[in-house]
Amino acid sequence: MGKDQEDIIKIKTAISLRILLKKNKDLPISKKEKLRKDIPKSYGDIADKAVIRKATVTKTFNIDGSSFSTTLFKIIFALGYTLIDFAKIYESITEKDIIEFLGKKDD
């Protein structure tokens, strides 16, 4: 696997995780309470629920370094989603999404 392909994987992973976190943040309060009271809405919440360091979560969301699959899985599960949920988002990401993400990352 080449460096370019690894970079694309990291970017798509970061975009997918951000979409899942945004879904959690966008749930109406009443719906959140009905689903579960401890829905993660921040990197710190995810770290607490996944029992990993907040810095690890932050690095994974910001494509800094390489993320091990177990860390990624813990983050996805802590967010309250399945690998299927993650995969659907991951596979739907387009080149345009990647370009937009890279533009925002530089801001």
Protein backbone atom coordinates (compact mmCIF):
# COMPACT_ATOMS: atom_id res chain seq x y z
CA MET A 1 0.00 0.00 0.00
CA GLY A 2 1.46 3.32 -1.04
CA LYS A 3 1.68 6.47 1.06
CA ASP A 4 -1.02 8.19 -1.03
CA GLN A 5 -3.44 5.33 -0.40
CA GLU A 6 -2.66 5.40 3.32
CA ASP A 7 -3.33 9.14 3.39
CA ILE A 8 -6.69 8.67 1.66
CA ILE A 9 -7.64 6.00 4.21
CA LYS A 10 -6.74 8.33 7.08
CA ILE A 11 -8.68 11.23 5.56
CA LYS A 12 -11.76 9.12 4.88
CA THR A 13 -11.57 7.75 8.42
CA ALA A 14 -11.40 11.25 9.90
CA ILE A 15 -14.30 12.46 7.76
CA SER A 16 -16.40 9.43 8.72
CA LEU A 17 -15.73 9.89 12.43
CA ARG A 18 -16.60 13.58 12.24
CA ILE A 19 -19.91 12.76 10.53
CA LEU A 20 -20.79 10.28 13.28
CA LEU A 21 -19.90 12.80 16.00
CA LYS A 22 -21.94 15.49 14.25
CA LYS A 23 -24.92 13.12 14.17
CA ASN A 24 -24.64 12.79 17.94
CA LYS A 25 -24.37 16.54 18.43
CA ASP A 26 -27.35 17.20 16.15
CA LEU A 27 -29.78 14.89 17.97
CA PRO A 28 -32.51 16.88 19.71
CA ILE A 29 -32.13 16.85 23.49
CA SER A 30 -35.38 14.95 24.06
CA LYS A 31 -34.37 12.26 21.58
CA LYS A 32 -30.91 11.99 23.14
CA GLU A 33 -32.45 11.39 26.55
CA LYS A 34 -34.73 8.70 25.16
CA LEU A 35 -31.89 6.92 23.36
CA ARG A 36 -29.27 7.20 26.08
CA LYS A 37 -28.24 9.91 28.46
CA ASP A 38 -24.52 9.44 28.01
CA ILE A 39 -24.25 10.00 24.27
CA PRO A 40 -20.74 11.28 23.48
CA LYS A 41 -20.67 14.80 22.10
CA SER A 42 -16.99 15.62 22.38
CA TYR A 43 -13.55 14.07 22.09
CA GLY A 44 -13.39 13.93 25.89
CA ASP A 45 -16.74 12.13 26.09
CA ILE A 46 -15.57 9.61 23.50
CA ALA A 47 -12.28 9.05 25.33
CA ASP A 48 -14.09 8.44 28.61
CA LYS A 49 -16.56 6.03 27.08
CA ALA A 50 -13.95 4.17 24.99
CA VAL A 51 -11.47 4.18 27.90
CA ILE A 52 -8.67 5.66 25.83
CA ARG A 53 -6.71 8.88 26.09
CA LYS A 54 -8.35 12.04 24.76
CA ALA A 55 -5.14 12.74 22.84
CA THR A 56 -5.58 9.43 21.01
CA VAL A 57 -9.12 10.37 20.03
CA THR A 58 -7.99 13.81 18.90
CA LYS A 59 -5.16 12.35 16.83
CA THR A 60 -7.54 9.89 15.17
CA PHE A 61 -10.05 12.61 14.28
CA ASN A 62 -7.27 14.87 12.97
CA ILE A 63 -5.36 12.20 11.01
CA ASP A 64 -2.21 12.75 13.04
CA GLY A 65 -0.11 9.60 13.06
CA SER A 66 -1.51 6.18 12.36
CA SER A 67 -4.47 4.77 14.17
CA PHE A 68 -4.71 1.13 15.12
CA SER A 69 -7.95 -0.59 14.26
CA THR A 70 -8.72 -1.35 17.90
CA THR A 71 -8.59 2.36 18.72
CA LEU A 72 -10.80 3.15 15.76
CA PHE A 73 -13.28 0.46 16.76
CA LYS A 74 -13.37 1.74 20.35
CA ILE A 75 -14.13 5.25 19.11
CA ILE A 76 -16.89 4.06 16.77
CA PHE A 77 -18.49 1.94 19.50
CA ALA A 78 -18.16 4.75 22.06
CA LEU A 79 -20.05 7.00 19.67
CA GLY A 80 -22.83 4.43 19.72
CA TYR A 81 -22.44 3.24 16.15
CA THR A 82 -21.52 -0.02 14.45
CA LEU A 83 -18.80 -0.78 11.97
CA ILE A 84 -21.52 -0.98 9.35
CA ASP A 85 -22.62 2.59 10.13
CA PHE A 86 -19.01 3.71 9.84
CA ALA A 87 -18.42 1.73 6.64
CA LYS A 88 -21.47 3.21 4.92
CA ILE A 89 -20.21 6.71 5.57
CA TYR A 90 -16.61 5.80 4.74
CA GLU A 91 -17.58 4.29 1.39
CA SER A 92 -19.77 7.26 0.48
CA ILE A 93 -16.95 9.80 0.78
CA THR A 94 -16.03 11.33 -2.55
CA GLU A 95 -12.90 12.99 -3.84
CA LYS A 96 -14.75 16.30 -3.46
CA ASP A 97 -15.30 15.53 0.25
CA ILE A 98 -11.59 14.83 0.65
CA ILE A 99 -10.63 18.09 -1.04
CA GLU A 100 -13.07 20.04 1.16
CA PHE A 101 -11.72 18.32 4.27
CA LEU A 102 -8.14 19.15 3.36
CA GLY A 103 -9.13 22.76 2.75
CA LYS A 104 -10.75 23.01 6.18
CA LYS A 105 -7.81 21.31 7.88
CA ASP A 106 -5.47 24.03 6.62
CA ASP A 107 -7.67 26.82 8.02
